Amino acid sequence: MLLVTLPPLDRLYQSHGPAVLRRARQLLGSDAEAREVLHDVFAALLEKPEQYAGKSSIMTFLYSVTTHHALTRLRRERNRQRLLERHLDAPGSVGHSGQARAELRELLRELPEELATVAVYHYLDEMTQEEIAELLGCSRQWVTKLVARLKGRVEERR
């Protein structure tokens, strides 16, 4: 087993902290909550540096971990509604119809973590399936299945 050596945490924080903060702020819509996620991401890396296995770039890893932490916060009821209203209804947000945004808002409340993550990457970030697969560390075919499940959930709601 190959052990991956991380650069010192202070260097990682200086070089990648702003990107982590931007990603968290993008998903949470709150600077205060984004700063908490920033702290959580780097604290978790300090506690368990082995979680970074070197299978992707450190930035890809941090992006994925940040998304996970932000979605976890999203699931907390008092924060979830405020975030979704702010982010999805904001001027300049992804150009979906009001109905599509409302459906996505409801789906994010109900979806299991993996599907919620794919929904954010696919619908909000408008990533390709290849990009999502890279972030999740899975095959594009698996992402295709997850996206099909998402679309099925949307259809069920109609």
Foldseek 3Di string as FASTA:
>chain_A
DDADDDDPLVVCCVVCVVVLLVLLCLQQVDSVVSVVLSVVLSVVCVVPVVVCVVPDDVNLQSSLSSLLSSLVVLQPVVRVVVRLCPNLVPPPFQPDDPVVSVLLSVCSNPDDSVLNSLCCCCPRVVDDLVSVCVSVVHDSVVSVVSVVVVVVSSVVVD
